[in-house]
Amino acid sequence: MKLVTKDIHCAVKSLHYFTKYSEKVITVDELVKKLNMRRAFSRRILQALSRHKILKSFQGRGGGFTLNVRPDKIRIMDVMDIF
């Protein structure tokens, strides 16, 4: 059994990026370019994190995602439970 799936790996990688730039709204396009992930895959990961209130989403022009919780409150087990 594989303990860390591709979803979990990409979610943790994305959250790490969000913690480095927590003061700004990050678009899917920016994340895709910086982390070299596919757009549709990234959107699915970010939407799941948003549904579970880890990220906050903004729609429309200038939209994207930001952290909704403090970085020290994010636990790997919580991310694993989501995916």
PDB file of N, CA and C in Angstrom:
ATOM      1  N   MET A   1       0.841  -1.177   0.000  1.00  0.00           N
ATOM      2  CA  MET A   1       0.000   0.000   0.000  1.00  0.00           C
ATOM      3  C   MET A   1       0.890   1.246   0.000  1.00  0.00           C
ATOM      4  N   LYS A   2       0.529   2.169  -0.843  1.00  0.00           N
ATOM      5  CA  LYS A   2       1.288   3.404  -0.954  1.00  0.00           C
ATOM      6  C   LYS A   2       0.758   4.407   0.078  1.00  0.00           C
ATOM      7  N   LEU A   3       1.626   4.886   0.947  1.00  0.00           N
ATOM      8  CA  LEU A   3       1.208   5.785   2.021  1.00  0.00           C
ATOM      9  C   LEU A   3       0.987   7.210   1.528  1.00  0.00           C
ATOM     10  N   VAL A   4       1.885   7.697   0.672  1.00  0.00           N
ATOM     11  CA  VAL A   4       1.770   9.060   0.163  1.00  0.00           C
ATOM     12  C   VAL A   4       1.425   8.996  -1.326  1.00  0.00           C
ATOM     13  N   THR A   5       0.207   9.405  -1.660  1.00  0.00           N
ATOM     14  CA  THR A   5      -0.236   9.383  -3.045  1.00  0.00           C
ATOM     15  C   THR A   5       0.231  10.644  -3.759  1.00  0.00           C
ATOM     16  N   LYS A   6       0.027  10.657  -5.069  1.00  0.00           N
ATOM     17  CA  LYS A   6       0.392  11.824  -5.869  1.00  0.00           C
ATOM     18  C   LYS A   6      -0.414  13.043  -5.409  1.00  0.00           C
ATOM     19  N   ASP A   7      -1.688  12.841  -5.073  1.00  0.00           N
ATOM     20  CA  ASP A   7      -2.533  13.935  -4.581  1.00  0.00           C
ATOM     21  C   ASP A   7      -1.952  14.553  -3.310  1.00  0.00           C
ATOM     22  N   ILE A   8      -1.574  13.703  -2.375  1.00  0.00           N
ATOM     23  CA  ILE A   8      -1.023  14.191  -1.109  1.00  0.00           C
ATOM     24  C   ILE A   8       0.303  14.919  -1.345  1.00  0.00           C
ATOM     25  N   HIS A   9       1.146  14.332  -2.168  1.00  0.00           N
ATOM     26  CA  HIS A   9       2.440  14.947  -2.471  1.00  0.00           C
ATOM     27  C   HIS A   9       2.253  16.339  -3.067  1.00  0.00           C
ATOM     28  N   CYS A  10       1.360  16.460  -4.041  1.00  0.00           N
ATOM     29  CA  CYS A  10       1.135  17.756  -4.694  1.00  0.00           C
ATOM     30  C   CYS A  10       0.438  18.740  -3.764  1.00  0.00           C
ATOM     31  N   ALA A  11      -0.423  18.254  -2.900  1.00  0.00           N
ATOM     32  CA  ALA A  11      -1.089  19.136  -1.939  1.00  0.00           C
ATOM     33  C   ALA A  11      -0.078  19.711  -0.953  1.00  0.00           C
ATOM     34  N   VAL A  12       0.816  18.889  -0.460  1.00  0.00           N
ATOM     35  CA  VAL A  12       1.839  19.365   0.485  1.00  0.00           C
ATOM     36  C   VAL A  12       2.783  20.344  -0.209  1.00  0.00           C
ATOM     37  N   LYS A  13       3.164  20.020  -1.442  1.00  0.00           N
ATOM     38  CA  LYS A  13       4.030  20.905  -2.217  1.00  0.00           C
ATOM     39  C   LYS A  13       3.353  22.261  -2.429  1.00  0.00           C
ATOM     40  N   SER A  14       2.071  22.230  -2.748  1.00  0.00           N
ATOM     41  CA  SER A  14       1.311  23.466  -2.959  1.00  0.00           C
ATOM     42  C   SER A  14       1.199  24.265  -1.668  1.00  0.00           C
ATOM     43  N   LEU A  15       0.890  23.589  -0.572  1.00  0.00           N
ATOM     44  CA  LEU A  15       0.769  24.281   0.715  1.00  0.00           C
ATOM     45  C   LEU A  15       2.095  24.895   1.137  1.00  0.00           C
ATOM     46  N   HIS A  16       3.178  24.228   0.839  1.00  0.00           N
ATOM     47  CA  HIS A  16       4.494  24.788   1.148  1.00  0.00           C
ATOM     48  C   HIS A  16       4.699  26.096   0.386  1.00  0.00           C
ATOM     49  N   TYR A  17       4.296  26.107  -0.873  1.00  0.00           N
ATOM     50  CA  TYR A  17       4.405  27.327  -1.675  1.00  0.00           C
ATOM     51  C   TYR A  17       3.529  28.434  -1.085  1.00  0.00           C
ATOM     52  N   PHE A  18       2.314  28.072  -0.654  1.00  0.00           N
ATOM     53  CA  PHE A  18       1.419  29.061  -0.048  1.00  0.00           C
ATOM     54  C   PHE A  18       2.002  29.638   1.235  1.00  0.00           C
ATOM     55  N   THR A  19       2.708  28.839   2.017  1.00  0.00           N
ATOM     56  CA  THR A  19       3.284  29.356   3.262  1.00  0.00           C
ATOM     57  C   THR A  19       4.413  30.341   2.978  1.00  0.00           C
ATOM     58  N   LYS A  20       5.137  30.131   1.881  1.00  0.00           N
ATOM     59  CA  LYS A  20       6.223  31.061   1.533  1.00  0.00           C
ATOM     60  C   LYS A  20       5.678  32.404   1.059  1.00  0.00           C
ATOM     61  N   TYR A  21       4.501  32.405   0.445  1.00  0.00           N
ATOM     62  CA  TYR A  21       3.911  33.632  -0.102  1.00  0.00           C
ATOM     63  C   TYR A  21       2.519  33.858   0.492  1.00  0.00           C
ATOM     64  N   SER A  22       2.413  33.763   1.783  1.00  0.00           N
ATOM     65  CA  SER A  22       1.109  33.818   2.453  1.00  0.00           C
ATOM     66  C   SER A  22       0.445  35.189   2.398  1.00  0.00           C
ATOM     67  N   GLU A  23       1.203  36.226   2.052  1.00  0.00           N
ATOM     68  CA  GLU A  23       0.632  37.575   2.048  1.00  0.00           C
ATOM     69  C   GLU A  23      -0.079  37.925   0.745  1.00  0.00           C
ATOM     70  N   LYS A  24      -0.035  37.039  -0.267  1.00  0.00           N
ATOM     71  CA  LYS A  24      -0.662  37.388  -1.544  1.00  0.00           C
ATOM     72  C   LYS A  24      -1.591  36.294  -2.043  1.00  0.00           C
ATOM     73  N   VAL A  25      -2.456  36.688  -2.977  1.00  0.00           N
ATOM     74  CA  VAL A  25      -3.358  35.735  -3.629  1.00  0.00           C
ATOM     75  C   VAL A  25      -2.562  35.045  -4.738  1.00  0.00           C
ATOM     76  N   ILE A  26      -2.588  33.719  -4.724  1.00  0.00           N
ATOM     77  CA  ILE A  26      -1.831  32.935  -5.699  1.00  0.00           C
ATOM     78  C   ILE A  26      -2.801  32.314  -6.688  1.00  0.00           C
ATOM     79  N   THR A  27      -2.544  32.543  -7.965  1.00  0.00           N
ATOM     80  CA  THR A  27      -3.408  31.986  -9.014  1.00  0.00           C
ATOM     81  C   THR A  27      -2.979  30.560  -9.334  1.00  0.00           C
ATOM     82  N   VAL A  28      -3.893  29.832  -9.960  1.00  0.00           N
ATOM     83  CA  VAL A  28      -3.591  28.471 -10.389  1.00  0.00           C
ATOM     84  C   VAL A  28      -2.453  28.500 -11.407  1.00  0.00           C
ATOM     85  N   ASP A  29      -2.494  29.472 -12.322  1.00  0.00           N
ATOM     86  CA  ASP A  29      -1.448  29.574 -13.340  1.00  0.00           C
ATOM     87  C   ASP A  29      -0.069  29.766 -12.716  1.00  0.00           C
ATOM     88  N   GLU A  30       0.019  30.599 -11.693  1.00  0.00           N
ATOM     89  CA  GLU A  30       1.303  30.819 -11.013  1.00  0.00           C
ATOM     90  C   GLU A  30       1.802  29.530 -10.378  1.00  0.00           C
ATOM     91  N   LEU A  31       0.903  28.834  -9.706  1.00  0.00           N
ATOM     92  CA  LEU A  31       1.273  27.590  -9.036  1.00  0.00           C
ATOM     93  C   LEU A  31       1.723  26.536 -10.052  1.00  0.00           C
ATOM     94  N   VAL A  32       1.013  26.451 -11.172  1.00  0.00           N
ATOM     95  CA  VAL A  32       1.353  25.489 -12.215  1.00  0.00           C
ATOM     96  C   VAL A  32       2.754  25.756 -12.765  1.00  0.00           C
ATOM     97  N   LYS A  33       3.055  27.024 -12.999  1.00  0.00           N
ATOM     98  CA  LYS A  33       4.385  27.382 -13.530  1.00  0.00           C
ATOM     99  C   LYS A  33       5.486  27.119 -12.512  1.00  0.00           C
ATOM    100  N   LYS A  34       5.273  27.512 -11.274  1.00  0.00           N
ATOM    101  CA  LYS A  34       6.317  27.401 -10.250  1.00  0.00           C
ATOM    102  C   LYS A  34       6.574  25.962  -9.818  1.00  0.00           C
ATOM    103  N   LEU A  35       5.504  25.145  -9.775  1.00  0.00           N
ATOM    104  CA  LEU A  35       5.646  23.784  -9.263  1.00  0.00           C
ATOM    105  C   LEU A  35       5.642  22.722 -10.358  1.00  0.00           C
ATOM    106  N   ASN A  36       5.504  23.163 -11.615  1.00  0.00           N
ATOM    107  CA  ASN A  36       5.545  22.254 -12.750  1.00  0.00           C
ATOM    108  C   ASN A  36       4.501  21.135 -12.628  1.00  0.00           C
ATOM    109  N   MET A  37       3.250  21.531 -12.399  1.00  0.00           N
ATOM    110  CA  MET A  37       2.148  20.580 -12.300  1.00  0.00           C
ATOM    111  C   MET A  37       1.137  20.885 -13.399  1.00  0.00           C
ATOM    112  N   ARG A  38       0.287  19.909 -13.694  1.00  0.00           N
ATOM    113  CA  ARG A  38      -0.757  20.126 -14.694  1.00  0.00           C
ATOM    114  C   ARG A  38      -1.860  20.996 -14.100  1.00  0.00           C
ATOM    115  N   ARG A  39      -2.442  21.841 -14.958  1.00  0.00           N
ATOM    116  CA  ARG A  39      -3.447  22.811 -14.526  1.00  0.00           C
ATOM    117  C   ARG A  39      -4.693  22.148 -13.938  1.00  0.00           C
ATOM    118  N   ALA A  40      -5.264  21.195 -14.648  1.00  0.00           N
ATOM    119  CA  ALA A  40      -6.498  20.539 -14.174  1.00  0.00           C
ATOM    120  C   ALA A  40      -6.262  19.811 -12.853  1.00  0.00           C
ATOM    121  N   PHE A  41      -5.115  19.174 -12.736  1.00  0.00           N
ATOM    122  CA  PHE A  41      -4.764  18.463 -11.509  1.00  0.00           C
ATOM    123  C   PHE A  41      -4.623  19.444 -10.349  1.00  0.00           C
ATOM    124  N   SER A  42      -3.930  20.546 -10.592  1.00  0.00           N
ATOM    125  CA  SER A  42      -3.732  21.564  -9.553  1.00  0.00           C
ATOM    126  C   SER A  42      -5.053  22.159  -9.100  1.00  0.00           C
ATOM    127  N   ARG A  43      -5.926  22.449 -10.043  1.00  0.00           N
ATOM    128  CA  ARG A  43      -7.235  23.023  -9.686  1.00  0.00           C
ATOM    129  C   ARG A  43      -8.015  22.080  -8.777  1.00  0.00           C
ATOM    130  N   ARG A  44      -7.977  20.787  -9.098  1.00  0.00           N
ATOM    131  CA  ARG A  44      -8.699  19.800  -8.289  1.00  0.00           C
ATOM    132  C   ARG A  44      -8.140  19.750  -6.870  1.00  0.00           C
ATOM    133  N   ILE A  45      -6.823  19.791  -6.747  1.00  0.00           N
ATOM    134  CA  ILE A  45      -6.177  19.771  -5.431  1.00  0.00           C
ATOM    135  C   ILE A  45      -6.550  21.023  -4.633  1.00  0.00           C
ATOM    136  N   LEU A  46      -6.438  22.189  -5.262  1.00  0.00           N
ATOM    137  CA  LEU A  46      -6.727  23.450  -4.578  1.00  0.00           C
ATOM    138  C   LEU A  46      -8.195  23.561  -4.198  1.00  0.00           C
ATOM    139  N   GLN A  47      -9.090  23.090  -5.042  1.00  0.00           N
ATOM    140  CA  GLN A  47     -10.513  23.129  -4.717  1.00  0.00           C
ATOM    141  C   GLN A  47     -10.831  22.234  -3.527  1.00  0.00           C
ATOM    142  N   ALA A  48     -10.198  21.084  -3.463  1.00  0.00           N
ATOM    143  CA  ALA A  48     -10.409  20.192  -2.312  1.00  0.00           C
ATOM    144  C   ALA A  48      -9.912  20.849  -1.021  1.00  0.00           C
ATOM    145  N   LEU A  49      -8.746  21.480  -1.081  1.00  0.00           N
ATOM    146  CA  LEU A  49      -8.221  22.175   0.103  1.00  0.00           C
ATOM    147  C   LEU A  49      -9.114  23.351   0.487  1.00  0.00           C
ATOM    148  N   SER A  50      -9.710  23.985  -0.494  1.00  0.00           N
ATOM    149  CA  SER A  50     -10.625  25.091  -0.229  1.00  0.00           C
ATOM    150  C   SER A  50     -11.925  24.595   0.411  1.00  0.00           C
ATOM    151  N   ARG A  51     -12.445  23.480  -0.076  1.00  0.00           N
ATOM    152  CA  ARG A  51     -13.667  22.892   0.505  1.00  0.00           C
ATOM    153  C   ARG A  51     -13.467  22.530   1.969  1.00  0.00           C
ATOM    154  N   HIS A  52     -12.257  22.157   2.335  1.00  0.00           N
ATOM    155  CA  HIS A  52     -11.953  21.775   3.715  1.00  0.00           C
ATOM    156  C   HIS A  52     -11.410  22.948   4.542  1.00  0.00           C
ATOM    157  N   LYS A  53     -11.555  24.154   4.005  1.00  0.00           N
ATOM    158  CA  LYS A  53     -11.248  25.398   4.721  1.00  0.00           C
ATOM    159  C   LYS A  53      -9.768  25.609   5.035  1.00  0.00           C
ATOM    160  N   ILE A  54      -8.893  24.898   4.331  1.00  0.00           N
ATOM    161  CA  ILE A  54      -7.464  25.143   4.509  1.00  0.00           C
ATOM    162  C   ILE A  54      -7.041  26.332   3.655  1.00  0.00           C
ATOM    163  N   LEU A  55      -7.631  26.431   2.464  1.00  0.00           N
ATOM    164  CA  LEU A  55      -7.405  27.567   1.578  1.00  0.00           C
ATOM    165  C   LEU A  55      -8.683  28.374   1.461  1.00  0.00           C
ATOM    166  N   LYS A  56      -8.538  29.627   1.116  1.00  0.00           N
ATOM    167  CA  LYS A  56      -9.679  30.492   0.834  1.00  0.00           C
ATOM    168  C   LYS A  56      -9.586  30.861  -0.649  1.00  0.00           C
ATOM    169  N   SER A  57     -10.710  30.738  -1.362  1.00  0.00           N
ATOM    170  CA  SER A  57     -10.675  31.023  -2.794  1.00  0.00           C
ATOM    171  C   SER A  57     -11.326  32.366  -3.090  1.00  0.00           C
ATOM    172  N   PHE A  58     -10.815  32.998  -4.132  1.00  0.00           N
ATOM    173  CA  PHE A  58     -11.339  34.268  -4.624  1.00  0.00           C
ATOM    174  C   PHE A  58     -11.637  34.097  -6.107  1.00  0.00           C
ATOM    175  N   GLN A  59     -12.841  34.483  -6.510  1.00  0.00           N
ATOM    176  CA  GLN A  59     -13.237  34.321  -7.903  1.00  0.00           C
ATOM    177  C   GLN A  59     -13.051  35.612  -8.679  1.00  0.00           C
ATOM    178  N   GLY A  60     -13.106  35.484  -9.992  1.00  0.00           N
ATOM    179  CA  GLY A  60     -13.055  36.653 -10.856  1.00  0.00           C
ATOM    180  C   GLY A  60     -11.653  37.113 -11.155  1.00  0.00           C
ATOM    181  N   ARG A  61     -11.590  38.284 -11.768  1.00  0.00           N
ATOM    182  CA  ARG A  61     -10.294  38.854 -12.122  1.00  0.00           C
ATOM    183  C   ARG A  61      -9.478  39.095 -10.851  1.00  0.00           C
ATOM    184  N   GLY A  62      -8.251  38.684 -10.867  1.00  0.00           N
ATOM    185  CA  GLY A  62      -7.402  38.804  -9.684  1.00  0.00           C
ATOM    186  C   GLY A  62      -7.676  37.721  -8.670  1.00  0.00           C
ATOM    187  N   GLY A  63      -8.455  36.729  -9.063  1.00  0.00           N
ATOM    188  CA  GLY A  63      -8.815  35.646  -8.156  1.00  0.00           C
ATOM    189  C   GLY A  63      -7.698  34.635  -7.998  1.00  0.00           C
ATOM    190  N   GLY A  64      -7.880  33.762  -7.063  1.00  0.00           N
ATOM    191  CA  GLY A  64      -6.897  32.723  -6.786  1.00  0.00           C
ATOM    192  C   GLY A  64      -7.157  32.154  -5.407  1.00  0.00           C
ATOM    193  N   PHE A  65      -6.108  31.804  -4.730  1.00  0.00           N
ATOM    194  CA  PHE A  65      -6.224  31.175  -3.416  1.00  0.00           C
ATOM    195  C   PHE A  65      -5.222  31.789  -2.440  1.00  0.00           C
ATOM    196  N   THR A  66      -5.596  31.793  -1.168  1.00  0.00           N
ATOM    197  CA  THR A  66      -4.688  32.153  -0.081  1.00  0.00           C
ATOM    198  C   THR A  66      -4.890  31.156   1.052  1.00  0.00           C
ATOM    199  N   LEU A  67      -3.946  31.135   1.964  1.00  0.00           N
ATOM    200  CA  LEU A  67      -4.113  30.289   3.145  1.00  0.00           C
ATOM    201  C   LEU A  67      -5.255  30.829   4.000  1.00  0.00           C
ATOM    202  N   ASN A  68      -6.053  29.934   4.518  1.00  0.00           N
ATOM    203  CA  ASN A  68      -7.170  30.314   5.374  1.00  0.00           C
ATOM    204  C   ASN A  68      -6.866  30.021   6.841  1.00  0.00           C
ATOM    205  N   VAL A  69      -5.787  29.298   7.087  1.00  0.00           N
ATOM    206  CA  VAL A  69      -5.362  28.972   8.449  1.00  0.00           C
ATOM    207  C   VAL A  69      -3.884  29.313   8.594  1.00  0.00           C
ATOM    208  N   ARG A  70      -3.454  29.475   9.813  1.00  0.00           N
ATOM    209  CA  ARG A  70      -2.034  29.731  10.045  1.00  0.00           C
ATOM    210  C   ARG A  70      -1.225  28.498   9.644  1.00  0.00           C
ATOM    211  N   PRO A  71      -0.065  28.697   9.054  1.00  0.00           N
ATOM    212  CA  PRO A  71       0.746  27.551   8.625  1.00  0.00           C
ATOM    213  C   PRO A  71       1.065  26.552   9.737  1.00  0.00           C
ATOM    214  N   ASP A  72       1.243  27.032  10.967  1.00  0.00           N
ATOM    215  CA  ASP A  72       1.572  26.109  12.053  1.00  0.00           C
ATOM    216  C   ASP A  72       0.377  25.264  12.502  1.00  0.00           C
ATOM    217  N   LYS A  73      -0.811  25.544  11.985  1.00  0.00           N
ATOM    218  CA  LYS A  73      -2.007  24.769  12.317  1.00  0.00           C
ATOM    219  C   LYS A  73      -2.309  23.683  11.285  1.00  0.00           C
ATOM    220  N   ILE A  74      -1.550  23.653  10.188  1.00  0.00           N
ATOM    221  CA  ILE A  74      -1.763  22.651   9.141  1.00  0.00           C
ATOM    222  C   ILE A  74      -0.974  21.396   9.493  1.00  0.00           C
ATOM    223  N   ARG A  75      -1.683  20.280   9.591  1.00  0.00           N
ATOM    224  CA  ARG A  75      -1.032  19.007   9.913  1.00  0.00           C
ATOM    225  C   ARG A  75      -1.057  18.101   8.687  1.00  0.00           C
ATOM    226  N   ILE A  76      -0.004  17.366   8.492  1.00  0.00           N
ATOM    227  CA  ILE A  76       0.093  16.435   7.362  1.00  0.00           C
ATOM    228  C   ILE A  76      -1.033  15.406   7.425  1.00  0.00           C
ATOM    229  N   MET A  77      -1.389  14.966   8.611  1.00  0.00           N
ATOM    230  CA  MET A  77      -2.468  13.974   8.740  1.00  0.00           C
ATOM    231  C   MET A  77      -3.794  14.543   8.232  1.00  0.00           C
ATOM    232  N   ASP A  78      -4.042  15.826   8.454  1.00  0.00           N
ATOM    233  CA  ASP A  78      -5.262  16.446   7.941  1.00  0.00           C
ATOM    234  C   ASP A  78      -5.280  16.427   6.420  1.00  0.00           C
ATOM    235  N   VAL A  79      -4.144  16.723   5.826  1.00  0.00           N
ATOM    236  CA  VAL A  79      -4.033  16.707   4.355  1.00  0.00           C
ATOM    237  C   VAL A  79      -4.225  15.269   3.849  1.00  0.00           C
ATOM    238  N   MET A  80      -3.643  14.309   4.529  1.00  0.00           N
ATOM    239  CA  MET A  80      -3.781  12.912   4.124  1.00  0.00           C
ATOM    240  C   MET A  80      -5.245  12.467   4.225  1.00  0.00           C
ATOM    241  N   ASP A  81      -5.958  12.928   5.234  1.00  0.00           N
ATOM    242  CA  ASP A  81      -7.369  12.575   5.383  1.00  0.00           C
ATOM    243  C   ASP A  81      -8.217  13.124   4.250  1.00  0.00           C
ATOM    244  N   ILE A  82      -7.861  14.297   3.759  1.00  0.00           N
ATOM    245  CA  ILE A  82      -8.626  14.909   2.655  1.00  0.00           C
ATOM    246  C   ILE A  82      -8.490  14.080   1.389  1.00  0.00           C
ATOM    247  N   PHE A  83      -7.280  13.587   1.137  1.00  0.00           N
ATOM    248  CA  PHE A  83      -7.035  12.863  -0.116  1.00  0.00           C
ATOM    249  C   PHE A  83      -6.942  11.370   0.103  1.00  0.00           C
TER     250      PHE A  83
END
